[in-house]
Amino acid sequence: MRTTWEGESSVGKKIEELDVEIDELSLSLVGWQVENVRARLVTESFDDTHFQEIVVSGTARFLREDWTDRFTSGEDDDYPPTLLLGLSPVDRPELVSYTHAVLETIKKAGKRPVRFSESSSTWECSRRVGPEEIRLQVTSFDLSETDIGLVWPGSRTKPLPVELVDETVHEAVRLKPTVCDATLVGKRRDGSLQIRLGGFAEFGSAGELLADCIAMEPWRGDGLRTDDLRDDDIEAECPFEVPMPGICVEVLDGTDFLLDKREVSLYGRVRVEEGVALPSRQPRWVAQCSLDLDDLSGEPSRIVARVMDAEDL
């Protein structure tokens, strides 16, 4: 029979509270407000073997009026920037993985507070992980794409080299990665390859954005010369928008055999509003993907991440 216990025991269950960091600044920039966010570390022990998981619950509300700089469309049936949970060891912050906490439309998320609850996958260990070793964060980005669940990386990790290649042709909007890494997590039988990229996007002047827009949409501009755009030419085309680049991730073995390939579209854009109004800040983005090692036809050796124009993905 399983019991709830307070101290060490050969067989039993222990429930401990976890601290949760609330990234207030990042949340406020994209319109999210959270409250009553709590987390627990649940441990079931059988002699020298422990099974652990993390459970998180809380309440969130989306304040559309606070979402002033928008890098996605803002219709009722669209999705706002995703509310995310970030999980990593305290001493290995680079191993952070993000998972969705709330994925609701703008209309639903803004209508009333949304309760959420997420549980991590269960991990097995011979030494229990303590609450003080776990960093858990609630945050959000302007743009995010991730298929990684709430997963504790465990003690078996191995970094892989990542080569970043920019193959974009259009120059008005450029992705600037500040994080670019790949990690093998766990054993081959049940392990995974986690790839993380993130940073911000730079964008040029309204004239540079319009020149790229016309290059992507030749029907626009009615014969305008993009090398000699005047202020009134730009004003006449407002509003217009330029899509952000995306990323193609290639997983290679030691012989350069392509084991897998993933395309990550951020579905973002930089919009120039009436009056030639540009966003007041650069958008933050994160892109993560996870691959099961058992599904690959070889041992991953390195990663190539190619930044590509949105039209090429």
Foldseek 3Di string as FASTA:
>chain_A
DEEEDDDDDQWYKYKDWADEAEPVVQQLQQFKDWDPKTKIWMWTHHHQKIKIKMKIKTKMAGDRVSNDAAFADQDQQAWTFFWWKWKAWPVCSLPIDIDGFDTHGNNVRHPDIDITMFMEDMDMDSDDDDSNGMYMYIGTFSFEAEPDGRYYQPDDKDWAAEAEAEPEDQDQKDDDWPRWTWMWGDDQVFIKIKTKTKDWMHGDALLSQVLVVCVVVVVPQPPDDSVDDDPVSSLVRPWDKFAHWWKKKFFAAPVRDTFDIDTGGRNTIWTQHHVRDGRPDITIYMYMYMGRSNSTPDDTHHMYMYTYGPVVD
